Amino acid sequence: MRSRIYLETETDCMEFCNAACHVDGKVELVNATGRYRINAKSVLGCLMASAEWGDGIWLETDEELYGVFNKWIAETADDGASVHF
């Protein structure tokens, strides 16, 4: 699964990391260019990605886990702009 996500606050990062820790397998955060990867089960990694990468955070997992991470996944509007609910 590859989805664009938003981690806007410290609470978002903590809750996201907690959800990632309860998932088996690889869960990674990737920047927009794909050059940098961070283990999403790391609180420090999630906080760094949120602070440094801004809107360009992508979630990559081995399995389809939309139900676990849907709170943070950005939906795409008809005009192509990302919308966070």
N, C-alpha and C. Protein backbone atom coordinates (compact mmCIF):
# COMPACT_ATOMS: atom_id res chain seq x y z
N MET A 1 0.85 -1.17 0.00
CA MET A 1 0.00 0.00 0.00
C MET A 1 0.89 1.23 0.00
N ARG A 2 0.56 2.19 -0.81
CA ARG A 2 1.27 3.48 -0.81
C ARG A 2 0.21 4.58 -0.80
N SER A 3 0.26 5.43 0.23
CA SER A 3 -0.73 6.50 0.39
C SER A 3 -0.05 7.74 0.94
N ARG A 4 -0.54 8.89 0.52
CA ARG A 4 -0.06 10.16 1.07
C ARG A 4 -0.77 10.38 2.40
N ILE A 5 -0.01 10.82 3.41
CA ILE A 5 -0.59 11.02 4.73
C ILE A 5 -0.24 12.42 5.26
N TYR A 6 -0.97 12.82 6.27
CA TYR A 6 -0.71 14.08 6.98
C TYR A 6 -0.49 13.79 8.46
N LEU A 7 0.61 14.29 8.98
CA LEU A 7 0.90 14.25 10.41
C LEU A 7 1.11 15.70 10.83
N GLU A 8 0.05 16.34 11.27
CA GLU A 8 0.09 17.79 11.51
C GLU A 8 0.54 18.16 12.92
N THR A 9 0.21 17.34 13.91
CA THR A 9 0.52 17.69 15.29
C THR A 9 1.33 16.59 15.95
N GLU A 10 1.85 16.89 17.11
CA GLU A 10 2.58 15.89 17.89
C GLU A 10 1.64 14.73 18.26
N THR A 11 0.40 15.05 18.57
CA THR A 11 -0.58 14.01 18.89
C THR A 11 -0.82 13.10 17.69
N ASP A 12 -0.91 13.68 16.49
CA ASP A 12 -1.04 12.87 15.27
C ASP A 12 0.12 11.89 15.16
N CYS A 13 1.33 12.39 15.38
CA CYS A 13 2.52 11.54 15.27
C CYS A 13 2.49 10.41 16.29
N MET A 14 2.14 10.73 17.51
CA MET A 14 2.10 9.72 18.57
C MET A 14 1.04 8.64 18.27
N GLU A 15 -0.16 9.08 17.87
CA GLU A 15 -1.23 8.13 17.56
C GLU A 15 -0.88 7.29 16.33
N PHE A 16 -0.29 7.92 15.32
CA PHE A 16 0.10 7.20 14.12
C PHE A 16 1.15 6.14 14.45
N CYS A 17 2.16 6.52 15.21
CA CYS A 17 3.22 5.59 15.59
C CYS A 17 2.65 4.43 16.41
N ASN A 18 1.74 4.72 17.30
CA ASN A 18 1.10 3.68 18.11
C ASN A 18 0.35 2.69 17.20
N ALA A 19 -0.37 3.20 16.21
CA ALA A 19 -1.08 2.33 15.27
C ALA A 19 -0.09 1.49 14.46
N ALA A 20 1.01 2.10 14.03
CA ALA A 20 2.02 1.39 13.24
C ALA A 20 2.67 0.27 14.05
N CYS A 21 2.86 0.51 15.34
CA CYS A 21 3.50 -0.49 16.20
C CYS A 21 2.64 -1.74 16.36
N HIS A 22 1.36 -1.62 16.14
CA HIS A 22 0.46 -2.77 16.28
C HIS A 22 0.26 -3.52 14.97
N VAL A 23 1.01 -3.17 13.95
CA VAL A 23 0.91 -3.81 12.64
C VAL A 23 2.14 -4.69 12.44
N ASP A 24 1.92 -5.91 11.97
CA ASP A 24 3.04 -6.78 11.62
C ASP A 24 3.60 -6.36 10.27
N GLY A 25 4.88 -6.53 10.09
CA GLY A 25 5.50 -6.23 8.81
C GLY A 25 6.05 -4.82 8.73
N LYS A 26 6.51 -4.48 7.55
CA LYS A 26 7.17 -3.21 7.31
C LYS A 26 6.16 -2.08 7.17
N VAL A 27 6.40 -0.99 7.88
CA VAL A 27 5.61 0.24 7.78
C VAL A 27 6.62 1.37 7.73
N GLU A 28 6.67 2.07 6.60
CA GLU A 28 7.67 3.11 6.43
C GLU A 28 7.04 4.43 5.98
N LEU A 29 7.69 5.52 6.39
CA LEU A 29 7.36 6.85 5.88
C LEU A 29 8.42 7.20 4.85
N VAL A 30 7.98 7.75 3.72
CA VAL A 30 8.87 8.09 2.62
C VAL A 30 8.60 9.53 2.23
N ASN A 31 9.68 10.29 1.95
CA ASN A 31 9.46 11.68 1.53
C ASN A 31 8.97 11.71 0.09
N ALA A 32 8.58 12.88 -0.38
CA ALA A 32 7.95 13.03 -1.71
C ALA A 32 8.84 12.55 -2.85
N THR A 33 10.14 12.72 -2.72
CA THR A 33 11.04 12.30 -3.80
C THR A 33 11.40 10.82 -3.72
N GLY A 34 11.10 10.18 -2.59
CA GLY A 34 11.43 8.77 -2.40
C GLY A 34 12.88 8.54 -1.98
N ARG A 35 13.58 9.61 -1.73
CA ARG A 35 15.00 9.50 -1.37
C ARG A 35 15.22 9.08 0.08
N TYR A 36 14.32 9.51 0.97
CA TYR A 36 14.48 9.21 2.40
C TYR A 36 13.35 8.32 2.90
N ARG A 37 13.72 7.35 3.74
CA ARG A 37 12.75 6.42 4.34
C ARG A 37 12.99 6.37 5.84
N ILE A 38 11.88 6.27 6.57
CA ILE A 38 11.95 6.19 8.03
C ILE A 38 11.00 5.09 8.50
N ASN A 39 11.41 4.36 9.51
CA ASN A 39 10.54 3.37 10.12
C ASN A 39 9.38 4.10 10.81
N ALA A 40 8.16 3.82 10.39
CA ALA A 40 6.98 4.50 10.94
C ALA A 40 6.67 4.06 12.36
N LYS A 41 7.36 3.05 12.85
CA LYS A 41 7.15 2.59 14.22
C LYS A 41 8.02 3.36 15.21
N SER A 42 8.76 4.35 14.71
CA SER A 42 9.63 5.19 15.52
C SER A 42 8.96 6.54 15.77
N VAL A 43 8.75 6.86 17.03
CA VAL A 43 8.14 8.15 17.39
C VAL A 43 9.02 9.29 16.91
N LEU A 44 10.31 9.18 17.14
CA LEU A 44 11.23 10.23 16.71
C LEU A 44 11.22 10.37 15.19
N GLY A 45 11.14 9.25 14.47
CA GLY A 45 11.08 9.30 13.02
C GLY A 45 9.82 9.99 12.52
N CYS A 46 8.68 9.69 13.13
CA CYS A 46 7.41 10.33 12.74
C CYS A 46 7.45 11.82 13.00
N LEU A 47 8.00 12.21 14.15
CA LEU A 47 8.10 13.63 14.48
C LEU A 47 9.02 14.36 13.50
N MET A 48 10.14 13.73 13.13
CA MET A 48 11.07 14.33 12.19
C MET A 48 10.43 14.49 10.82
N ALA A 49 9.74 13.44 10.35
CA ALA A 49 9.08 13.51 9.05
C ALA A 49 8.05 14.63 9.03
N SER A 50 7.28 14.75 10.09
CA SER A 50 6.26 15.79 10.18
C SER A 50 6.88 17.18 10.14
N ALA A 51 7.99 17.36 10.83
CA ALA A 51 8.64 18.68 10.90
C ALA A 51 9.39 19.02 9.63
N GLU A 52 10.05 18.05 9.03
CA GLU A 52 10.94 18.31 7.90
C GLU A 52 10.28 18.16 6.53
N TRP A 53 9.38 17.21 6.38
CA TRP A 53 8.82 16.90 5.07
C TRP A 53 7.51 17.60 4.79
N GLY A 54 6.86 18.16 5.81
CA GLY A 54 5.61 18.89 5.62
C GLY A 54 4.52 18.06 4.97
N ASP A 55 4.03 18.51 3.81
CA ASP A 55 2.93 17.84 3.12
C ASP A 55 3.39 16.65 2.28
N GLY A 56 4.68 16.43 2.19
CA GLY A 56 5.19 15.39 1.31
C GLY A 56 5.52 14.10 2.01
N ILE A 57 4.61 13.57 2.83
CA ILE A 57 4.85 12.32 3.55
C ILE A 57 4.00 11.21 2.93
N TRP A 58 4.65 10.12 2.58
CA TRP A 58 3.98 8.96 2.00
C TRP A 58 4.15 7.77 2.93
N LEU A 59 3.11 6.97 3.06
CA LEU A 59 3.13 5.76 3.86
C LEU A 59 3.25 4.57 2.92
N GLU A 60 4.20 3.68 3.20
CA GLU A 60 4.35 2.45 2.43
C GLU A 60 4.32 1.26 3.37
N THR A 61 3.48 0.28 3.03
CA THR A 61 3.35 -0.94 3.83
C THR A 61 3.37 -2.15 2.90
N ASP A 62 3.66 -3.30 3.48
CA ASP A 62 3.65 -4.55 2.72
C ASP A 62 2.23 -4.99 2.37
N GLU A 63 1.29 -4.70 3.24
CA GLU A 63 -0.09 -5.13 3.08
C GLU A 63 -1.01 -3.93 2.93
N GLU A 64 -2.23 -4.18 2.49
CA GLU A 64 -3.26 -3.13 2.39
C GLU A 64 -3.81 -2.88 3.79
N LEU A 65 -3.51 -1.73 4.36
CA LEU A 65 -3.90 -1.41 5.74
C LEU A 65 -4.67 -0.11 5.84
N TYR A 66 -5.52 0.16 4.86
CA TYR A 66 -6.27 1.41 4.85
C TYR A 66 -7.08 1.59 6.13
N GLY A 67 -7.69 0.55 6.61
CA GLY A 67 -8.52 0.63 7.81
C GLY A 67 -7.76 1.07 9.05
N VAL A 68 -6.48 0.72 9.12
CA VAL A 68 -5.66 1.09 10.28
C VAL A 68 -5.23 2.56 10.20
N PHE A 69 -4.90 3.02 8.99
CA PHE A 69 -4.30 4.35 8.83
C PHE A 69 -5.21 5.38 8.17
N ASN A 70 -6.49 5.06 7.98
CA ASN A 70 -7.38 5.97 7.24
C ASN A 70 -7.52 7.35 7.90
N LYS A 71 -7.30 7.45 9.19
CA LYS A 71 -7.39 8.74 9.88
C LYS A 71 -6.36 9.74 9.35
N TRP A 72 -5.23 9.26 8.88
CA TRP A 72 -4.14 10.13 8.45
C TRP A 72 -3.97 10.19 6.93
N ILE A 73 -4.70 9.38 6.18
CA ILE A 73 -4.55 9.34 4.73
C ILE A 73 -5.25 10.53 4.10
N ALA A 74 -4.54 11.20 3.19
CA ALA A 74 -5.07 12.35 2.47
C ALA A 74 -5.90 11.86 1.30
N GLU A 75 -7.09 12.36 1.18
CA GLU A 75 -7.95 12.04 0.04
C GLU A 75 -7.65 13.04 -1.06
N THR A 76 -7.84 12.66 -2.30
CA THR A 76 -7.58 13.55 -3.43
C THR A 76 -8.89 14.06 -3.99
N ALA A 77 -9.01 15.38 -4.12
CA ALA A 77 -10.22 16.00 -4.67
C ALA A 77 -10.23 15.84 -6.19
N ASP A 78 -11.35 16.19 -6.82
CA ASP A 78 -11.50 16.07 -8.27
C ASP A 78 -10.47 16.91 -9.04
N ASP A 79 -10.02 18.02 -8.45
CA ASP A 79 -9.06 18.89 -9.12
C ASP A 79 -7.61 18.45 -8.88
N GLY A 80 -7.43 17.32 -8.20
CA GLY A 80 -6.09 16.79 -7.97
C GLY A 80 -5.45 17.28 -6.68
N ALA A 81 -6.09 18.21 -5.98
CA ALA A 81 -5.54 18.72 -4.74
C ALA A 81 -5.79 17.73 -3.61
N SER A 82 -4.84 17.65 -2.69
CA SER A 82 -5.00 16.74 -1.54
C SER A 82 -5.89 17.40 -0.49
N VAL A 83 -6.76 16.62 0.08
CA VAL A 83 -7.67 17.09 1.11
C VAL A 83 -7.55 16.16 2.30
N HIS A 84 -7.41 16.72 3.49
CA HIS A 84 -7.31 15.93 4.71
C HIS A 84 -8.59 16.13 5.52
N PHE A 85 -9.23 15.03 5.87
CA PHE A 85 -10.50 15.11 6.61
C PHE A 85 -10.28 14.92 8.07
